Amino acid sequence: MTSPARWAAYEVLRRADTRGAGGQDLASALAGTRSLVRDPRDRALTTELALGVERWRAALDAIIAAASGRDVGKIDFPALLSLRLAVFQLKFLTRTPPHAVVDDAVEIVRRAGAHRAVGFVNGVLRGLLRGGLDAGLPPRPASSADIGGWTAYLSIALSHPEWLVRRWIDRHGPETAEAWATFDNTPAPLTLRVNTRRISVDEARARLETDGVMTSPAPHAPHALIVADGNPMGSPLHDEGLIALMDESSQLVGALAASVFAAGAVLDACAAPGGKTLVLACDLPAGGHVIAADRRPRRLDLLRRALGRYGLDDVPVVMHDLAKGVPFAALDGVLVDAPCSGLGTIRRDPDIRWRRQEAEIAGMAAAQQRMLTQAAAAVRAGGRLVYATCSSESDENEAVVDAFLAAQPGFRREPIAALRFAPFVDARGDFRTLPHRDGLEAFYAAVLARG
């Protein structure tokens, strides 16, 4: 009988693939299969398997193609997913005996109704066990000058889209691109933001410890905790809104915005799901107050629930479409945490690398430009506009800001001067976290002051 975790992981991958059940994102597919696994350990294994397969998909497919002698696009879909799961376990996990992995893979194919593929899956996996698990993977090039070799190595052996690694190689060089890709393929820690409106960091750590959750202070964001052991979502602190799951880079962007806004009215213009609203509400100077806004009703409901849990009932929530304008004027500050490609968060969301296409970026940048222009109209003279993304790509970052400044002579780039952000300030004076340098997801922010 197939283990519940492996069958659930198969279901997650089926739902998250465009050849399967409509191509949900991986997080939604995981949430939709929670009922298939009751035991917390099985749920953890399901998540580990699904994330791991998506993280290493290109390498797994290369191994499968070499072992089977077939293009993976011609392999029956249930067989391919079962093979990806099995090869990931054989190559990257050691807890399960190889014969059990093979047996589970065969049973998954049977259970999925692909009976004709049973012998094929069994034969491919037993062949791999005899012949090794590195077939089909290009080696690491010996020379920095071998750009073609580096592109193949990074896109296949380190499992990143070819178009993206070419961009990284062009900007940073092959060795840095390798370090970035390696970072992306490392499981991310759980990071918490403490709701300092209601509890101190030390108090939160002590209460979490009594619930069996061990934490340590994050290296950069002052109110962030890294979870070393335990499940913070099972702690009453989560239900009470005293902690929130939030990436450290994202926390730094919120803290940066709070540090440059004057006391007064501040708009979080793309606020859902509410993490940066929480940071602003906690970190704004005395007299500052935040307004949270977003476009879609479903996201507004998510935002309201989060703010209610955090105890931020004093934060107004407004529906608006930033691309069409802002229903405010003379604000002291506006944060535009713009919808973007998300390519800076591949470590936490490994399926993004396969969902995004290079052709999409220009359209995203154009939309970001429109939103930034509309937000600018709501900023008073002397106020500040903070533009931020979680994208690794300059098209969505400094290129958007440069185009905005060229069209808006009333604004100027304000170089970030606060010492606590100094490690992340680039040559233009903008904020930027880099995985290979900082050990953080790739986020970007620019501060734009109205004269």
Protein backbone atom coordinates (compact mmCIF):
# COMPACT_ATOMS: atom_id res chain seq x y z
CA MET A 1 0.00 0.00 0.00
CA THR A 2 1.31 3.46 -0.90
CA SER A 3 2.26 5.63 2.04
CA PRO A 4 -0.23 8.49 2.64
CA ALA A 5 2.52 11.11 2.31
CA ARG A 6 3.75 9.85 -1.07
CA TRP A 7 0.25 9.59 -2.51
CA ALA A 8 -0.56 13.08 -1.21
CA ALA A 9 2.67 14.41 -2.75
CA TYR A 10 1.67 12.83 -6.07
CA GLU A 11 -1.70 14.58 -5.82
CA VAL A 12 -0.03 17.91 -5.04
CA LEU A 13 2.22 17.61 -8.09
CA ARG A 14 -0.69 16.54 -10.29
CA ARG A 15 -2.73 19.56 -9.28
CA ALA A 16 0.24 21.92 -9.64
CA ASP A 17 1.11 20.86 -13.20
CA THR A 18 -0.56 22.33 -16.26
CA ARG A 19 -0.83 18.79 -17.69
CA GLY A 20 -2.80 17.77 -14.61
CA ALA A 21 -5.70 19.47 -12.87
CA GLY A 22 -5.44 23.02 -14.15
CA GLY A 23 -2.06 24.14 -12.93
CA GLN A 24 -2.65 25.45 -9.40
CA ASP A 25 0.29 27.08 -7.70
CA LEU A 26 2.13 24.74 -5.37
CA ALA A 27 0.95 26.43 -2.17
CA SER A 28 -2.70 26.06 -3.21
CA ALA A 29 -2.17 22.45 -4.21
CA LEU A 30 -0.59 21.69 -0.84
CA ALA A 31 -3.46 23.38 0.99
CA GLY A 32 -5.99 21.45 -1.09
CA THR A 33 -4.53 18.06 -0.18
CA ARG A 34 -4.26 18.52 3.59
CA SER A 35 -7.26 16.23 4.11
CA LEU A 36 -5.34 13.34 2.55
CA VAL A 37 -2.82 13.24 5.41
CA ARG A 38 -3.81 13.37 9.07
CA ASP A 39 -0.49 12.75 10.78
CA PRO A 40 1.70 15.90 11.12
CA ARG A 41 4.76 13.86 10.18
CA ASP A 42 3.08 12.71 6.97
CA ARG A 43 2.11 16.31 6.19
CA ALA A 44 5.71 17.41 6.69
CA LEU A 45 6.93 14.64 4.37
CA THR A 46 4.29 15.53 1.76
CA THR A 47 5.54 19.12 1.76
CA GLU A 48 9.18 18.05 1.62
CA LEU A 49 8.53 15.75 -1.34
CA ALA A 50 6.43 18.23 -3.32
CA LEU A 51 8.82 21.13 -2.77
CA GLY A 52 11.82 18.94 -3.53
CA VAL A 53 10.42 17.66 -6.81
CA GLU A 54 9.54 21.17 -7.99
CA ARG A 55 12.93 22.45 -6.83
CA TRP A 56 14.87 19.80 -8.76
CA ARG A 57 12.44 19.14 -11.61
CA ALA A 58 14.84 19.83 -14.49
CA ALA A 59 17.55 17.61 -13.01
CA LEU A 60 15.03 14.84 -12.29
CA ASP A 61 13.70 15.00 -15.85
CA ALA A 62 17.23 14.80 -17.27
CA ILE A 63 17.94 11.70 -15.19
CA ILE A 64 14.63 10.11 -16.20
CA ALA A 65 15.20 10.86 -19.88
CA ALA A 66 18.71 9.38 -19.80
CA ALA A 67 17.56 6.26 -17.93
CA SER A 68 14.46 5.64 -20.06
CA GLY A 69 15.74 6.71 -23.46
CA ARG A 70 12.61 8.83 -23.88
CA ASP A 71 11.85 12.52 -23.96
CA VAL A 72 9.94 13.22 -20.74
CA GLY A 73 7.23 14.96 -22.75
CA LYS A 74 6.35 11.58 -24.26
CA ILE A 75 6.05 9.75 -20.94
CA ASP A 76 2.54 9.17 -19.58
CA PHE A 77 1.76 11.93 -17.11
CA PRO A 78 1.10 9.71 -14.04
CA ALA A 79 4.25 7.73 -14.79
CA LEU A 80 6.33 10.90 -15.10
CA LEU A 81 5.10 12.31 -11.78
CA SER A 82 5.68 8.99 -10.05
CA LEU A 83 9.20 8.80 -11.50
CA ARG A 84 10.00 12.36 -10.43
CA LEU A 85 8.94 11.54 -6.88
CA ALA A 86 10.93 8.32 -6.79
CA VAL A 87 14.10 9.76 -8.34
CA PHE A 88 14.00 12.71 -5.94
CA GLN A 89 13.80 10.33 -2.99
CA LEU A 90 16.55 8.06 -4.32
CA LYS A 91 18.90 10.95 -5.06
CA PHE A 92 18.22 13.44 -2.27
CA LEU A 93 16.59 11.55 0.64
CA THR A 94 18.02 8.54 2.44
CA ARG A 95 15.40 7.69 5.04
CA THR A 96 13.46 5.22 2.88
CA PRO A 97 15.05 2.02 1.54
CA PRO A 98 15.36 2.07 -2.28
CA HIS A 99 13.16 -1.02 -2.73
CA ALA A 100 10.35 0.71 -0.81
CA VAL A 101 10.67 3.80 -3.02
CA VAL A 102 10.38 1.63 -6.14
CA ASP A 103 7.41 -0.28 -4.74
CA ASP A 104 5.61 2.95 -3.86
CA ALA A 105 6.27 4.41 -7.31
CA VAL A 106 4.77 1.36 -8.98
CA GLU A 107 1.76 1.42 -6.66
CA ILE A 108 1.17 5.12 -7.34
CA VAL A 109 1.02 4.43 -11.08
CA ARG A 110 -1.47 1.60 -10.50
CA ARG A 111 -3.59 3.74 -8.20
CA ALA A 112 -3.58 6.54 -10.77
CA GLY A 113 -5.01 4.12 -13.33
CA ALA A 114 -1.95 4.04 -15.62
CA HIS A 115 -1.61 0.24 -15.51
CA ARG A 116 0.26 0.00 -18.80
CA ALA A 117 3.06 2.16 -17.37
CA VAL A 118 3.73 -0.09 -14.36
CA GLY A 119 6.44 -2.15 -16.03
CA PHE A 120 8.03 0.94 -17.54
CA VAL A 121 8.31 2.73 -14.18
CA ASN A 122 9.64 -0.39 -12.46
CA GLY A 123 12.23 -0.94 -15.18
CA VAL A 124 13.47 2.66 -15.23
CA LEU A 125 13.94 2.81 -11.46
CA ARG A 126 15.64 -0.56 -11.17
CA GLY A 127 17.95 0.46 -14.01
CA LEU A 128 18.83 3.64 -12.16
CA LEU A 129 19.62 1.70 -9.00
CA ARG A 130 22.05 -0.42 -10.99
CA GLY A 131 23.61 2.36 -13.03
CA GLY A 132 23.72 5.44 -10.75
CA LEU A 133 21.68 8.60 -10.40
CA ASP A 134 23.79 11.18 -12.24
CA ALA A 135 23.14 10.10 -15.83
CA GLY A 136 21.99 12.97 -18.00
CA LEU A 137 23.35 15.73 -15.72
CA PRO A 138 25.92 18.07 -17.31
CA PRO A 139 29.13 18.55 -15.29
CA ARG A 140 30.25 21.78 -13.69
CA PRO A 141 32.45 23.60 -16.24
CA ALA A 142 36.14 23.92 -15.48
CA SER A 143 36.43 27.37 -17.08
CA SER A 144 34.51 30.59 -16.47
CA ALA A 145 34.72 31.23 -20.20
CA ASP A 146 32.54 28.20 -21.04
CA ILE A 147 29.26 30.10 -20.99
CA GLY A 148 27.39 27.40 -22.88
CA GLY A 149 28.58 24.79 -20.41
CA TRP A 150 27.62 26.96 -17.44
CA THR A 151 24.17 27.59 -18.92
CA ALA A 152 23.56 23.85 -19.32
CA TYR A 153 24.92 23.07 -15.86
CA LEU A 154 22.84 25.72 -14.09
CA SER A 155 19.65 25.09 -16.03
CA ILE A 156 19.75 21.28 -15.82
CA ALA A 157 21.97 20.09 -12.96
CA LEU A 158 20.91 23.01 -10.73
CA SER A 159 17.38 23.06 -12.16
CA HIS A 160 16.65 26.67 -13.15
CA PRO A 161 15.05 28.03 -16.35
CA GLU A 162 17.64 28.56 -19.06
CA TRP A 163 16.44 32.09 -19.84
CA LEU A 164 16.84 33.10 -16.19
CA VAL A 165 20.31 31.67 -15.68
CA ARG A 166 21.46 33.42 -18.86
CA ARG A 167 20.35 36.71 -17.33
CA TRP A 168 22.15 35.98 -14.08
CA ILE A 169 25.33 34.93 -15.87
CA ASP A 170 25.26 38.14 -17.95
CA ARG A 171 24.82 40.34 -14.85
CA HIS A 172 26.82 38.53 -12.21
CA GLY A 173 29.09 35.96 -13.87
CA PRO A 174 28.76 32.15 -13.79
CA GLU A 175 30.16 31.47 -10.32
CA THR A 176 27.82 33.98 -8.68
CA ALA A 177 24.91 32.60 -10.69
CA GLU A 178 25.85 29.16 -9.38
CA ALA A 179 25.86 30.42 -5.78
CA TRP A 180 22.43 32.01 -6.35
CA ALA A 181 20.99 28.81 -7.84
CA THR A 182 22.45 26.77 -4.98
CA PHE A 183 20.77 29.12 -2.50
CA ASP A 184 17.43 28.65 -4.30
CA ASN A 185 17.75 24.88 -3.98
CA THR A 186 18.28 25.00 -0.21
CA PRO A 187 15.12 24.63 1.91
CA ALA A 188 14.19 27.94 3.53
CA PRO A 189 13.82 28.34 7.29
CA LEU A 190 10.58 29.48 8.88
CA THR A 191 10.86 33.18 9.72
CA LEU A 192 8.52 35.02 12.06
CA ARG A 193 7.72 38.69 12.55
CA VAL A 194 6.83 39.57 16.13
CA ASN A 195 3.82 41.86 16.52
CA THR A 196 5.62 44.44 18.66
CA ARG A 197 2.44 46.47 19.07
CA ARG A 198 1.36 43.77 21.51
CA ILE A 199 4.39 41.78 22.67
CA SER A 200 8.16 42.18 22.83
CA VAL A 201 10.56 39.95 20.94
CA ASP A 202 11.95 38.51 24.19
CA GLU A 203 8.46 37.76 25.51
CA ALA A 204 7.49 36.10 22.22
CA ARG A 205 10.61 33.91 22.29
CA ALA A 206 9.95 32.84 25.86
CA ARG A 207 6.30 31.97 25.19
CA LEU A 208 7.20 30.09 22.01
CA GLU A 209 9.75 28.07 23.95
CA THR A 210 7.09 26.98 26.43
CA ASP A 211 5.13 25.72 23.40
CA GLY A 212 8.12 23.70 22.20
CA VAL A 213 9.15 26.19 19.51
CA MET A 214 12.82 27.10 19.62
CA THR A 215 13.89 30.31 17.86
CA SER A 216 16.88 32.56 17.41
CA PRO A 217 17.04 36.24 16.41
CA ALA A 218 17.30 36.78 12.67
CA PRO A 219 20.63 38.25 11.54
CA HIS A 220 19.24 41.40 9.91
CA ALA A 221 15.60 42.31 10.67
CA PRO A 222 15.35 43.45 14.32
CA HIS A 223 11.92 41.95 15.10
CA ALA A 224 12.37 38.69 13.18
CA LEU A 225 12.87 35.21 14.63
CA ILE A 226 14.22 32.14 12.86
CA VAL A 227 12.54 28.89 13.89
CA ALA A 228 15.06 26.20 14.79
CA ASP A 229 12.61 23.56 16.00
CA GLY A 230 8.89 23.12 16.56
CA ASN A 231 5.74 24.31 14.83
CA PRO A 232 4.94 27.99 15.47
CA MET A 233 1.61 27.64 13.66
CA GLY A 234 0.53 25.29 16.43
CA SER A 235 1.34 27.85 19.11
CA PRO A 236 -1.40 30.06 20.59
CA LEU A 237 0.80 33.04 19.66
CA HIS A 238 -0.13 32.54 16.02
CA ASP A 239 -3.87 32.36 16.63
CA GLU A 240 -3.62 35.38 18.93
CA GLY A 241 -1.89 37.39 16.21
CA LEU A 242 1.29 37.91 18.21
CA ILE A 243 3.48 36.43 15.47
CA ALA A 244 3.24 36.23 11.70
CA LEU A 245 5.06 34.12 9.14
CA MET A 246 7.08 36.61 7.08
CA ASP A 247 10.28 36.44 5.07
CA GLU A 248 13.18 38.43 6.53
CA SER A 249 13.77 40.40 3.32
CA SER A 250 10.12 41.41 3.26
CA GLN A 251 10.38 42.56 6.87
CA LEU A 252 13.40 44.67 5.99
CA VAL A 253 11.48 46.39 3.17
CA GLY A 254 8.63 47.22 5.56
CA ALA A 255 11.09 48.52 8.16
CA LEU A 256 12.82 50.63 5.51
CA ALA A 257 9.52 52.20 4.46
CA ALA A 258 8.59 52.93 8.08
CA SER A 259 11.97 54.56 8.65
CA VAL A 260 11.64 57.08 5.80
CA PHE A 261 7.98 58.04 6.20
CA ALA A 262 7.21 61.09 8.33
CA ALA A 263 4.60 60.99 11.08
CA GLY A 264 1.26 61.23 9.34
CA ALA A 265 -0.92 59.27 6.93
CA VAL A 266 0.78 56.40 5.08
CA LEU A 267 -0.85 54.19 2.45
CA ASP A 268 0.13 50.55 1.95
CA ALA A 269 -1.21 50.51 -1.59
CA CYS A 270 -0.89 46.76 -2.34
CA ALA A 271 -1.35 45.52 1.19
CA ALA A 272 -2.69 41.94 1.05
CA PRO A 273 -1.95 39.61 2.75
CA GLY A 274 -0.97 42.19 5.37
CA GLY A 275 2.62 41.47 6.40
CA LYS A 276 4.06 44.86 5.51
CA THR A 277 0.98 46.56 6.97
CA LEU A 278 1.85 44.88 10.26
CA VAL A 279 5.45 46.10 10.03
CA LEU A 280 4.33 49.66 9.24
CA ALA A 281 1.81 49.67 12.08
CA CYS A 282 4.53 48.54 14.48
CA ASP A 283 7.44 50.63 13.20
CA LEU A 284 6.03 53.98 12.04
CA PRO A 285 7.13 56.95 14.17
CA ALA A 286 4.78 58.37 16.79
CA GLY A 287 1.87 60.08 15.09
CA GLY A 288 2.09 57.89 12.00
CA HIS A 289 -0.90 55.82 10.95
CA VAL A 290 -1.33 53.38 8.10
CA ILE A 291 -4.16 52.80 5.62
CA ALA A 292 -4.24 49.37 3.95
CA ALA A 293 -5.61 48.96 0.43
CA ASP A 294 -5.89 46.30 -2.25
CA ARG A 295 -7.84 45.58 -5.39
CA ARG A 296 -9.58 42.21 -5.22
CA PRO A 297 -12.42 41.35 -2.79
CA ARG A 298 -10.89 37.97 -1.92
CA ARG A 299 -7.55 39.55 -1.06
CA LEU A 300 -9.30 42.26 0.94
CA ASP A 301 -11.07 39.58 2.98
CA LEU A 302 -7.70 37.91 3.60
CA LEU A 303 -6.24 41.28 4.60
CA ARG A 304 -9.09 42.12 7.00
CA ARG A 305 -8.83 38.72 8.69
CA ALA A 306 -5.08 39.10 9.14
CA LEU A 307 -5.31 42.62 10.54
CA GLY A 308 -8.09 41.52 12.89
CA ARG A 309 -5.91 38.68 14.17
CA TYR A 310 -3.01 41.10 14.69
CA GLY A 311 -5.28 43.43 16.70
CA LEU A 312 -4.90 46.22 14.15
CA ASP A 313 -8.55 47.25 14.21
CA ASP A 314 -7.47 50.89 13.93
CA VAL A 315 -6.08 50.32 10.40
CA PRO A 316 -8.65 51.32 7.75
CA VAL A 317 -9.00 48.88 4.83
CA VAL A 318 -9.90 50.33 1.44
CA MET A 319 -10.65 48.72 -1.93
CA HIS A 320 -8.98 50.40 -4.86
CA ASP A 321 -7.25 49.52 -8.13
CA LEU A 322 -3.87 51.23 -7.96
CA ALA A 323 -3.46 51.05 -11.73
CA LYS A 324 -6.48 53.38 -12.03
CA GLY A 325 -5.65 55.81 -9.26
CA VAL A 326 -5.60 56.37 -5.50
CA PRO A 327 -8.64 57.79 -3.63
CA PHE A 328 -6.40 59.94 -1.41
CA ALA A 329 -4.30 63.07 -1.69
CA ALA A 330 -1.52 64.79 0.26
CA LEU A 331 -0.35 61.61 1.95
CA ASP A 332 2.91 61.63 3.88
CA GLY A 333 3.96 58.34 2.35
CA VAL A 334 2.90 55.59 -0.02
CA LEU A 335 4.36 52.08 -0.16
CA VAL A 336 3.92 50.37 -3.52
CA ASP A 337 4.87 46.75 -2.89
CA ALA A 338 4.12 45.99 -6.51
CA PRO A 339 2.79 42.72 -7.92
CA CYS A 340 5.77 41.24 -9.75
CA SER A 341 7.28 38.06 -11.15
CA GLY A 342 8.30 36.85 -7.67
CA LEU A 343 11.59 35.57 -9.09
CA GLY A 344 13.41 36.72 -5.97
CA THR A 345 11.51 34.17 -3.88
CA ILE A 346 12.37 30.96 -5.74
CA ARG A 347 13.84 29.40 -2.60
CA ARG A 348 10.49 29.66 -0.80
CA ASP A 349 8.27 29.15 -3.86
CA PRO A 350 10.19 26.73 -6.10
CA ASP A 351 7.41 26.34 -8.66
CA ILE A 352 7.69 30.04 -9.61
CA ARG A 353 10.77 29.20 -11.67
CA TRP A 354 8.65 27.02 -13.97
CA ARG A 355 5.55 29.22 -13.99
CA ARG A 356 7.20 32.44 -15.07
CA GLN A 357 8.21 33.08 -18.67
CA GLU A 358 10.65 35.73 -19.82
CA ALA A 359 8.03 37.21 -22.14
CA GLU A 360 5.86 38.11 -19.14
CA ILE A 361 8.36 40.47 -17.57
CA ALA A 362 7.88 43.39 -19.94
CA GLY A 363 4.13 43.41 -19.28
CA MET A 364 4.68 43.26 -15.54
CA ALA A 365 7.13 46.15 -15.70
CA ALA A 366 4.63 48.24 -17.69
CA ALA A 367 1.93 47.55 -15.09
CA GLN A 368 4.33 48.46 -12.28
CA GLN A 369 5.13 51.71 -14.05
CA ARG A 370 1.42 52.60 -14.22
CA MET A 371 0.90 51.82 -10.55
CA LEU A 372 3.89 53.88 -9.49
CA THR A 373 2.69 56.85 -11.54
CA GLN A 374 -0.79 56.69 -10.03
CA ALA A 375 0.59 56.36 -6.49
CA ALA A 376 2.79 59.42 -7.01
CA ALA A 377 -0.26 61.65 -7.40
CA ALA A 378 -1.28 60.92 -3.80
CA VAL A 379 2.03 62.00 -2.21
CA ARG A 380 2.28 65.50 -0.74
CA ALA A 381 5.22 67.81 -1.33
CA GLY A 382 7.98 66.64 0.98
CA GLY A 383 6.44 63.17 1.19
CA ARG A 384 7.99 59.91 0.05
CA LEU A 385 7.04 57.09 -2.24
CA VAL A 386 8.65 53.68 -1.63
CA TYR A 387 8.62 51.26 -4.55
CA ALA A 388 9.39 47.61 -3.78
CA THR A 389 9.35 44.19 -5.44
CA CYS A 390 10.39 40.63 -4.68
CA SER A 391 11.90 40.27 -8.16
CA SER A 392 15.50 39.46 -9.01
CA GLU A 393 15.22 41.20 -12.37
CA SER A 394 16.34 44.76 -13.11
CA ASP A 395 13.48 45.18 -15.63
CA GLU A 396 11.04 45.27 -12.71
CA ASN A 397 13.30 47.18 -10.34
CA GLU A 398 15.68 50.02 -11.19
CA ALA A 399 14.45 50.17 -14.80
CA VAL A 400 10.93 50.95 -13.56
CA VAL A 401 12.24 53.57 -11.15
CA ASP A 402 14.48 55.19 -13.78
CA ALA A 403 11.58 55.43 -16.24
CA PHE A 404 9.34 56.89 -13.53
CA LEU A 405 11.89 59.55 -12.57
CA ALA A 406 12.42 60.49 -16.21
CA ALA A 407 8.69 61.15 -16.54
CA GLN A 408 8.16 62.72 -13.08
CA PRO A 409 10.54 65.67 -12.58
CA GLY A 410 8.87 66.49 -9.27
CA PHE A 411 10.39 63.36 -7.72
CA ARG A 412 14.00 62.44 -7.02
CA ARG A 413 15.71 59.26 -5.88
CA GLU A 414 16.63 59.56 -2.21
CA PRO A 415 19.66 57.40 -1.43
CA ILE A 416 19.12 55.25 1.65
CA ALA A 417 21.29 56.62 4.45
CA ALA A 418 20.24 54.70 7.59
CA LEU A 419 23.18 52.67 8.87
CA ARG A 420 21.11 49.60 9.64
CA PHE A 421 20.32 49.23 5.93
CA ALA A 422 23.88 49.99 4.77
CA PRO A 423 24.76 46.34 3.91
CA PHE A 424 21.94 46.32 1.36
CA VAL A 425 22.41 49.69 -0.35
CA ASP A 426 23.64 49.50 -3.95
CA ALA A 427 25.60 52.04 -5.99
CA ARG A 428 22.41 53.95 -6.87
CA GLY A 429 21.40 54.26 -3.23
CA ASP A 430 18.60 51.71 -3.56
CA PHE A 431 17.89 48.76 -1.26
CA ARG A 432 18.68 45.31 -2.61
CA THR A 433 19.13 41.92 -0.96
CA LEU A 434 21.11 39.31 -2.88
CA PRO A 435 20.94 35.59 -2.08
CA HIS A 436 24.60 34.82 -2.83
CA ARG A 437 25.78 37.77 -0.69
CA ASP A 438 23.23 38.09 2.09
CA GLY A 439 21.68 34.66 2.45
CA LEU A 440 18.28 36.29 1.88
CA GLU A 441 15.64 36.24 -0.84
CA ALA A 442 16.14 38.87 -3.57
CA PHE A 443 14.08 41.97 -2.74
CA TYR A 444 14.40 45.50 -4.07
CA ALA A 445 13.21 48.93 -2.87
CA ALA A 446 13.78 52.55 -3.87
CA VAL A 447 12.88 55.66 -1.92
CA LEU A 448 11.48 58.49 -4.09
CA ALA A 449 11.03 61.92 -2.52
CA ARG A 450 8.65 64.60 -3.80
CA GLY A 451 10.23 68.07 -3.87
